[in-house]
N, C-alpha and C. Protein backbone atom coordinates (compact mmCIF):
# COMPACT_ATOMS: atom_id res chain seq x y z
N MET A 1 85.58 78.32 103.33
CA MET A 1 84.48 79.01 103.97
C MET A 1 83.20 78.64 103.25
N LEU A 2 82.22 78.18 103.99
CA LEU A 2 80.91 77.85 103.45
C LEU A 2 80.04 79.08 103.55
N LEU A 3 79.48 79.52 102.43
CA LEU A 3 78.61 80.68 102.42
C LEU A 3 77.16 80.24 102.56
N ALA A 4 76.33 81.09 103.12
CA ALA A 4 74.94 80.73 103.39
C ALA A 4 74.10 80.55 102.13
N ALA A 5 74.37 81.32 101.12
CA ALA A 5 73.60 81.22 99.87
C ALA A 5 74.51 81.57 98.71
N ILE A 6 74.16 81.10 97.55
CA ILE A 6 74.97 81.39 96.37
C ILE A 6 74.84 82.86 96.01
N PRO A 7 75.93 83.61 96.08
CA PRO A 7 75.87 85.01 95.66
C PRO A 7 75.69 85.08 94.14
N ALA A 8 75.15 86.16 93.69
CA ALA A 8 74.97 86.35 92.24
C ALA A 8 76.32 86.49 91.56
N HIS A 9 76.36 86.11 90.30
CA HIS A 9 77.55 86.31 89.48
C HIS A 9 77.90 87.79 89.53
N ALA A 10 79.17 88.11 89.65
CA ALA A 10 79.59 89.51 89.70
C ALA A 10 79.05 90.24 88.48
N GLN A 11 78.26 91.28 88.70
CA GLN A 11 77.61 91.98 87.60
C GLN A 11 78.59 92.65 86.66
N ASP A 12 79.80 92.95 87.14
CA ASP A 12 80.77 93.60 86.28
C ASP A 12 81.66 92.61 85.55
N CYS A 13 81.36 91.30 85.63
CA CYS A 13 82.08 90.27 84.88
C CYS A 13 81.13 89.65 83.86
N PRO A 14 81.65 89.22 82.72
CA PRO A 14 80.79 88.57 81.74
C PRO A 14 80.21 87.28 82.32
N ALA A 15 78.94 87.01 82.05
CA ALA A 15 78.29 85.79 82.56
C ALA A 15 79.01 84.54 82.07
N ALA A 16 79.67 84.62 80.94
CA ALA A 16 80.38 83.46 80.39
C ALA A 16 81.67 83.14 81.16
N LEU A 17 82.10 84.04 82.04
CA LEU A 17 83.32 83.79 82.82
C LEU A 17 82.98 82.83 83.95
N ARG A 18 83.01 81.54 83.62
CA ARG A 18 82.63 80.48 84.54
C ARG A 18 83.31 79.21 84.08
N ALA A 19 83.90 78.47 85.01
CA ALA A 19 84.49 77.17 84.69
C ALA A 19 83.56 76.09 85.23
N GLU A 20 83.57 74.95 84.56
CA GLU A 20 82.68 73.86 84.96
C GLU A 20 83.39 72.53 84.79
N ALA A 21 83.16 71.61 85.73
CA ALA A 21 83.72 70.26 85.65
C ALA A 21 82.81 69.32 86.42
N ARG A 22 82.96 68.03 86.15
CA ARG A 22 82.17 67.00 86.85
C ARG A 22 83.07 66.23 87.81
N ASP A 23 82.48 65.83 88.94
CA ASP A 23 83.24 64.98 89.85
C ASP A 23 83.14 63.53 89.37
N ALA A 24 83.71 62.60 90.12
CA ALA A 24 83.76 61.20 89.69
C ALA A 24 82.37 60.58 89.53
N SER A 25 81.38 61.08 90.23
CA SER A 25 80.02 60.55 90.11
C SER A 25 79.19 61.28 89.08
N GLY A 26 79.78 62.25 88.38
CA GLY A 26 79.08 62.97 87.33
C GLY A 26 78.38 64.24 87.76
N VAL A 27 78.50 64.62 89.03
CA VAL A 27 77.87 65.84 89.52
C VAL A 27 78.65 67.05 89.00
N VAL A 28 77.93 68.02 88.45
CA VAL A 28 78.54 69.23 87.89
C VAL A 28 78.88 70.21 89.02
N TYR A 29 80.08 70.79 88.93
CA TYR A 29 80.50 71.88 89.81
C TYR A 29 80.89 73.06 88.95
N GLN A 30 80.71 74.27 89.49
CA GLN A 30 81.06 75.48 88.76
C GLN A 30 81.94 76.37 89.64
N PHE A 31 82.70 77.23 88.97
CA PHE A 31 83.70 78.11 89.59
C PHE A 31 83.52 79.46 88.92
N TRP A 32 83.22 80.54 89.67
CA TRP A 32 82.91 81.82 89.06
C TRP A 32 83.17 83.00 90.00
N PRO A 33 83.26 84.22 89.44
CA PRO A 33 83.46 85.42 90.26
C PRO A 33 82.13 85.93 90.79
N VAL A 34 82.16 86.45 92.02
CA VAL A 34 80.98 87.03 92.64
C VAL A 34 81.36 88.34 93.32
N ARG A 35 80.36 89.17 93.53
CA ARG A 35 80.51 90.38 94.34
C ARG A 35 79.82 90.03 95.66
N LEU A 36 80.59 89.88 96.73
CA LEU A 36 80.05 89.46 98.02
C LEU A 36 79.36 90.61 98.74
N ALA A 37 78.71 90.30 99.85
CA ALA A 37 77.95 91.30 100.60
C ALA A 37 78.81 92.49 101.03
N ASN A 38 80.10 92.26 101.28
CA ASN A 38 80.98 93.35 101.68
C ASN A 38 81.55 94.10 100.47
N GLU A 39 80.99 93.84 99.27
CA GLU A 39 81.36 94.48 98.00
C GLU A 39 82.71 94.04 97.46
N VAL A 40 83.32 93.02 98.05
CA VAL A 40 84.58 92.48 97.54
C VAL A 40 84.27 91.48 96.43
N GLN A 41 85.03 91.55 95.34
CA GLN A 41 84.88 90.58 94.26
C GLN A 41 85.89 89.46 94.47
N ASP A 42 85.39 88.23 94.61
CA ASP A 42 86.23 87.05 94.79
C ASP A 42 85.65 85.90 93.99
N LEU A 43 86.28 84.72 94.10
CA LEU A 43 85.85 83.53 93.37
C LEU A 43 85.23 82.53 94.33
N VAL A 44 84.19 81.84 93.85
CA VAL A 44 83.52 80.79 94.62
C VAL A 44 83.32 79.57 93.73
N MET A 45 83.02 78.43 94.37
CA MET A 45 82.66 77.23 93.62
C MET A 45 81.52 76.53 94.34
N ALA A 46 80.69 75.83 93.56
CA ALA A 46 79.57 75.08 94.12
C ALA A 46 79.00 74.17 93.05
N SER A 47 78.18 73.24 93.50
CA SER A 47 77.40 72.43 92.58
C SER A 47 76.00 73.02 92.53
N PRO A 48 75.46 73.24 91.33
CA PRO A 48 74.07 73.71 91.26
C PRO A 48 73.11 72.73 91.95
N ALA A 49 73.52 71.46 92.10
CA ALA A 49 72.69 70.46 92.78
C ALA A 49 72.70 70.65 94.29
N ALA A 50 73.65 71.41 94.83
CA ALA A 50 73.75 71.65 96.28
C ALA A 50 74.05 73.12 96.53
N PRO A 51 73.11 74.02 96.22
CA PRO A 51 73.38 75.45 96.32
C PRO A 51 73.65 75.95 97.73
N ASP A 52 73.37 75.13 98.75
CA ASP A 52 73.65 75.53 100.13
C ASP A 52 75.07 75.18 100.55
N GLN A 53 75.87 74.64 99.62
CA GLN A 53 77.24 74.24 99.95
C GLN A 53 78.27 74.96 99.08
N ILE A 54 78.10 76.25 98.94
CA ILE A 54 79.04 77.05 98.16
C ILE A 54 80.32 77.27 98.96
N ARG A 55 81.46 77.23 98.26
CA ARG A 55 82.76 77.42 98.90
C ARG A 55 83.44 78.65 98.34
N ARG A 56 83.95 79.47 99.22
CA ARG A 56 84.73 80.63 98.78
C ARG A 56 86.13 80.15 98.45
N VAL A 57 86.63 80.53 97.28
CA VAL A 57 87.94 80.06 96.80
C VAL A 57 89.02 81.10 97.04
N THR A 58 88.73 82.37 96.78
CA THR A 58 89.74 83.42 96.96
C THR A 58 89.30 84.38 98.07
N TYR A 59 90.29 85.05 98.63
CA TYR A 59 90.06 86.05 99.67
C TYR A 59 90.90 87.27 99.32
N GLY A 60 90.45 88.42 99.74
CA GLY A 60 91.25 89.62 99.50
C GLY A 60 91.05 90.23 98.13
N GLY A 61 89.90 89.99 97.53
CA GLY A 61 89.62 90.56 96.22
C GLY A 61 89.45 92.06 96.29
N SER A 62 89.09 92.63 95.17
CA SER A 62 89.00 94.08 95.05
C SER A 62 87.58 94.58 95.26
N ARG A 63 87.47 95.79 95.79
CA ARG A 63 86.18 96.48 95.90
C ARG A 63 85.96 97.41 94.71
N GLU A 64 86.97 97.57 93.88
CA GLU A 64 86.86 98.47 92.74
C GLU A 64 85.92 97.90 91.68
N ALA A 65 85.30 98.79 90.92
CA ALA A 65 84.41 98.38 89.84
C ALA A 65 85.21 97.67 88.76
N GLY A 66 84.55 96.85 87.99
CA GLY A 66 85.20 96.13 86.90
C GLY A 66 85.41 94.68 87.27
N CYS A 67 85.61 93.86 86.27
CA CYS A 67 85.86 92.45 86.48
C CYS A 67 87.36 92.25 86.73
N HIS A 68 87.71 91.58 87.81
CA HIS A 68 89.11 91.43 88.20
C HIS A 68 89.69 90.07 87.85
N PHE A 69 88.93 89.26 87.11
CA PHE A 69 89.39 87.94 86.69
C PHE A 69 89.23 87.82 85.19
N GLN A 70 90.27 87.32 84.51
CA GLN A 70 90.23 87.22 83.05
C GLN A 70 89.91 85.82 82.56
N ALA A 71 90.33 84.80 83.30
CA ALA A 71 90.13 83.42 82.85
C ALA A 71 90.08 82.50 84.07
N LEU A 72 89.29 81.41 83.95
CA LEU A 72 89.13 80.43 85.02
C LEU A 72 89.23 79.03 84.45
N ALA A 73 89.72 78.09 85.27
CA ALA A 73 89.74 76.68 84.87
C ALA A 73 89.57 75.83 86.12
N MET A 74 88.92 74.69 85.96
CA MET A 74 88.82 73.74 87.06
C MET A 74 88.82 72.33 86.51
N ALA A 75 89.31 71.39 87.31
CA ALA A 75 89.33 69.97 86.93
C ALA A 75 89.21 69.15 88.20
N HIS A 76 88.54 68.01 88.08
CA HIS A 76 88.41 67.11 89.23
C HIS A 76 89.75 66.45 89.50
N GLY A 77 90.14 66.39 90.76
CA GLY A 77 91.44 65.84 91.14
C GLY A 77 91.33 64.48 91.79
N GLY A 78 91.19 63.45 91.01
CA GLY A 78 91.12 62.10 91.56
C GLY A 78 89.95 61.95 92.51
N ASP A 79 90.18 61.32 93.66
CA ASP A 79 89.09 61.11 94.62
C ASP A 79 89.15 62.10 95.79
N TRP A 80 89.96 63.13 95.69
CA TRP A 80 90.15 64.03 96.83
C TRP A 80 89.57 65.42 96.66
N GLY A 81 89.36 65.92 95.45
CA GLY A 81 88.86 67.29 95.34
C GLY A 81 89.07 67.91 93.98
N TRP A 82 89.57 69.15 93.98
CA TRP A 82 89.57 69.98 92.77
C TRP A 82 90.89 70.69 92.53
N HIS A 83 91.22 70.83 91.24
CA HIS A 83 92.29 71.71 90.78
C HIS A 83 91.58 72.98 90.30
N LEU A 84 92.03 74.13 90.76
CA LEU A 84 91.43 75.42 90.38
C LEU A 84 92.53 76.36 89.92
N ALA A 85 92.29 77.05 88.82
CA ALA A 85 93.26 78.03 88.32
C ALA A 85 92.51 79.27 87.85
N TRP A 86 93.18 80.41 87.97
CA TRP A 86 92.56 81.65 87.52
C TRP A 86 93.62 82.66 87.15
N SER A 87 93.17 83.63 86.39
CA SER A 87 94.03 84.74 86.00
C SER A 87 93.38 86.03 86.46
N SER A 88 94.21 86.89 87.02
CA SER A 88 93.77 88.24 87.41
C SER A 88 94.87 89.20 86.96
N ALA A 89 94.70 90.47 87.25
CA ALA A 89 95.73 91.45 86.90
C ALA A 89 97.03 91.15 87.64
N ARG A 90 96.97 90.38 88.73
CA ARG A 90 98.16 90.03 89.51
C ARG A 90 98.87 88.78 89.00
N GLY A 91 98.28 88.08 88.01
CA GLY A 91 98.96 86.92 87.45
C GLY A 91 98.09 85.69 87.31
N VAL A 92 98.76 84.55 87.12
CA VAL A 92 98.11 83.25 86.96
C VAL A 92 98.33 82.46 88.25
N PHE A 93 97.24 81.94 88.83
CA PHE A 93 97.27 81.27 90.12
C PHE A 93 96.67 79.88 90.05
N TYR A 94 97.10 79.03 91.00
CA TYR A 94 96.60 77.66 91.11
C TYR A 94 96.37 77.33 92.58
N ALA A 95 95.31 76.57 92.85
CA ALA A 95 95.06 76.06 94.20
C ALA A 95 94.38 74.70 94.11
N ARG A 96 94.56 73.91 95.14
CA ARG A 96 93.86 72.63 95.29
C ARG A 96 92.84 72.80 96.40
N MET A 97 91.67 72.23 96.22
CA MET A 97 90.66 72.27 97.26
C MET A 97 90.03 70.90 97.38
N ASP A 98 89.93 70.39 98.62
CA ASP A 98 89.21 69.13 98.79
C ASP A 98 87.73 69.47 98.94
N GLY A 99 86.92 68.53 99.33
CA GLY A 99 85.49 68.78 99.41
C GLY A 99 85.09 69.84 100.42
N ALA A 100 85.96 70.15 101.39
CA ALA A 100 85.57 71.07 102.44
C ALA A 100 86.51 72.25 102.66
N ALA A 101 87.77 72.12 102.27
CA ALA A 101 88.72 73.18 102.62
C ALA A 101 89.89 73.20 101.66
N TRP A 102 90.71 74.23 101.81
CA TRP A 102 91.92 74.34 101.00
C TRP A 102 92.86 73.18 101.28
N VAL A 103 93.49 72.69 100.24
CA VAL A 103 94.58 71.74 100.38
C VAL A 103 95.88 72.51 100.21
N SER A 104 95.85 73.56 99.41
CA SER A 104 97.03 74.41 99.22
C SER A 104 96.66 75.85 99.52
N SER A 105 97.35 76.44 100.44
CA SER A 105 97.11 77.82 100.76
C SER A 105 98.44 78.40 101.23
N PRO A 106 98.86 79.53 100.76
CA PRO A 106 98.19 80.37 99.78
C PRO A 106 98.27 79.76 98.38
N PRO A 107 97.46 80.29 97.47
CA PRO A 107 97.52 79.80 96.08
C PRO A 107 98.92 79.99 95.49
N LYS A 108 99.28 79.11 94.59
CA LYS A 108 100.58 79.17 93.90
C LYS A 108 100.47 80.13 92.71
N ARG A 109 101.43 81.06 92.59
CA ARG A 109 101.44 81.97 91.44
C ARG A 109 102.45 81.46 90.43
N PHE A 110 101.99 81.25 89.18
CA PHE A 110 102.87 80.77 88.12
C PHE A 110 103.38 81.90 87.23
N SER A 111 102.69 83.01 87.22
CA SER A 111 103.11 84.14 86.38
C SER A 111 102.61 85.42 87.02
N ARG A 112 103.34 86.50 86.79
CA ARG A 112 102.88 87.81 87.25
C ARG A 112 102.07 88.53 86.17
N ASN A 113 101.95 87.90 85.01
CA ASN A 113 101.18 88.48 83.90
C ASN A 113 99.80 87.84 83.85
N SER A 114 98.80 88.61 83.46
CA SER A 114 97.46 88.05 83.33
C SER A 114 97.38 87.19 82.06
N ALA A 115 96.42 86.28 82.05
CA ALA A 115 96.24 85.37 80.92
C ALA A 115 94.83 85.53 80.37
N LYS A 116 94.72 85.40 79.05
CA LYS A 116 93.40 85.49 78.44
C LYS A 116 92.75 84.13 78.26
N GLN A 117 93.53 83.07 78.44
CA GLN A 117 93.02 81.70 78.33
C GLN A 117 93.80 80.83 79.29
N ILE A 118 93.11 79.89 79.95
CA ILE A 118 93.77 79.00 80.91
C ILE A 118 93.02 77.68 80.90
N GLU A 119 93.77 76.55 80.96
CA GLU A 119 93.11 75.24 80.94
C GLU A 119 93.99 74.18 81.57
N PHE A 120 93.34 73.12 82.07
CA PHE A 120 94.03 71.95 82.59
C PHE A 120 94.03 70.86 81.54
N SER A 121 95.06 70.03 81.58
CA SER A 121 95.10 68.80 80.79
C SER A 121 95.38 67.67 81.77
N LEU A 122 94.53 66.64 81.73
CA LEU A 122 94.66 65.52 82.66
C LEU A 122 95.18 64.27 81.97
N ASP A 123 95.57 64.37 80.70
CA ASP A 123 96.15 63.24 79.98
C ASP A 123 97.60 63.09 80.40
N GLY A 124 97.91 62.07 81.18
CA GLY A 124 99.26 61.91 81.71
C GLY A 124 99.43 62.79 82.93
N PRO A 125 100.62 63.38 83.12
CA PRO A 125 100.81 64.27 84.27
C PRO A 125 99.85 65.46 84.18
N LEU A 126 99.45 65.96 85.33
CA LEU A 126 98.60 67.15 85.37
C LEU A 126 99.34 68.31 84.72
N GLN A 127 98.70 69.00 83.79
CA GLN A 127 99.29 70.18 83.17
C GLN A 127 98.33 71.35 83.26
N LEU A 128 98.89 72.52 83.45
CA LEU A 128 98.15 73.76 83.39
C LEU A 128 98.77 74.58 82.28
N ARG A 129 97.94 75.03 81.34
CA ARG A 129 98.42 75.83 80.21
C ARG A 129 97.68 77.15 80.18
N TRP A 130 98.40 78.20 79.77
CA TRP A 130 97.76 79.50 79.65
C TRP A 130 98.44 80.32 78.57
N GLN A 131 97.68 81.27 78.06
CA GLN A 131 98.23 82.22 77.10
C GLN A 131 98.14 83.60 77.73
N GLU A 132 99.30 84.21 77.93
CA GLU A 132 99.34 85.52 78.59
C GLU A 132 98.87 86.61 77.65
N GLU A 133 98.30 87.65 78.23
CA GLU A 133 97.86 88.81 77.46
C GLU A 133 99.03 89.36 76.65
N GLY A 134 98.82 89.59 75.38
CA GLY A 134 99.84 90.18 74.53
C GLY A 134 100.94 89.24 74.09
N ALA A 135 100.86 87.96 74.44
CA ALA A 135 101.90 87.00 74.05
C ALA A 135 101.35 86.02 73.03
N ALA A 136 102.19 85.59 72.12
CA ALA A 136 101.77 84.64 71.10
C ALA A 136 101.87 83.20 71.59
N GLU A 137 102.87 82.91 72.45
CA GLU A 137 103.09 81.52 72.84
C GLU A 137 102.20 81.13 74.03
N THR A 138 101.99 79.83 74.15
CA THR A 138 101.30 79.24 75.29
C THR A 138 102.35 78.80 76.29
N ARG A 139 102.09 79.02 77.57
CA ARG A 139 103.01 78.60 78.63
C ARG A 139 102.38 77.41 79.35
N SER A 140 103.23 76.59 79.97
CA SER A 140 102.74 75.37 80.60
C SER A 140 103.58 75.03 81.83
N VAL A 141 102.92 74.44 82.82
CA VAL A 141 103.58 73.83 83.97
C VAL A 141 102.99 72.43 84.12
N SER A 142 103.76 71.52 84.70
CA SER A 142 103.24 70.17 84.90
C SER A 142 103.55 69.69 86.31
N SER A 143 102.72 68.74 86.75
CA SER A 143 102.87 68.17 88.09
C SER A 143 102.70 66.65 87.99
N GLU A 144 103.61 65.94 88.62
CA GLU A 144 103.56 64.47 88.67
C GLU A 144 102.86 63.98 89.94
N ASP A 145 102.48 64.91 90.84
CA ASP A 145 101.92 64.49 92.13
C ASP A 145 100.63 65.23 92.49
N GLU A 146 99.73 65.34 91.51
CA GLU A 146 98.40 65.94 91.73
C GLU A 146 98.46 67.39 92.21
N GLY A 147 99.45 68.15 91.76
CA GLY A 147 99.50 69.57 92.05
C GLY A 147 100.21 69.96 93.33
N ARG A 148 100.87 69.03 93.97
CA ARG A 148 101.64 69.39 95.18
C ARG A 148 102.92 70.12 94.81
N ASN A 149 103.57 69.67 93.73
CA ASN A 149 104.81 70.29 93.24
C ASN A 149 104.67 70.48 91.74
N TRP A 150 105.31 71.53 91.21
CA TRP A 150 105.16 71.89 89.81
C TRP A 150 106.51 72.15 89.16
N SER A 151 106.56 71.92 87.85
CA SER A 151 107.73 72.29 87.06
C SER A 151 107.78 73.81 86.94
N GLU A 152 108.90 74.31 86.45
CA GLU A 152 108.99 75.74 86.13
C GLU A 152 108.16 75.99 84.86
N PRO A 153 107.55 77.18 84.72
CA PRO A 153 106.79 77.48 83.50
C PRO A 153 107.68 77.45 82.26
N LEU A 154 107.17 76.84 81.20
CA LEU A 154 107.88 76.73 79.92
C LEU A 154 106.99 77.23 78.80
N ALA A 155 107.61 77.80 77.77
CA ALA A 155 106.88 78.13 76.54
C ALA A 155 106.76 76.84 75.74
N LEU A 156 105.56 76.53 75.25
CA LEU A 156 105.36 75.31 74.47
C LEU A 156 105.88 75.51 73.06
N PRO A 157 106.58 74.52 72.51
CA PRO A 157 107.10 74.64 71.14
C PRO A 157 105.95 74.69 70.14
N GLY A 158 106.19 75.41 69.06
CA GLY A 158 105.20 75.48 67.98
C GLY A 158 104.13 76.52 68.18
N ASN A 159 104.28 77.37 69.20
CA ASN A 159 103.28 78.42 69.44
C ASN A 159 103.85 79.77 69.13
């Protein structure tokens, strides 16, 4: 969904809760929580260079006060679009988005626990790593096909 204007960062979320990545041509894109006109808190992405082309990433967010997202991550996915991951009270989620629309819908849930940190690794197979709230170890999933299929979540050794 293309929104008419960039909504303000959700006032009940820390301003630092924002993921950023560059596309193949070096253009910066950002991924962040917003409070939309209908008072629902959801996630959007856009390039500051093209503020009229904001994309809504999540649907069905909460109208309740407070920040409903704990961690965000994004990475450029080859020549087709974006890898997006987030953590909420409902768990750790992943979705693929091309330049205009969802490539994967609904988002894939990797955990029912929220995470305080989440990141992609693009060295070799695509990996998504996160540290769940209250857990010492880091968990990881990997994909050999740009996020179409994923391994089962594993605890990384040495954590």
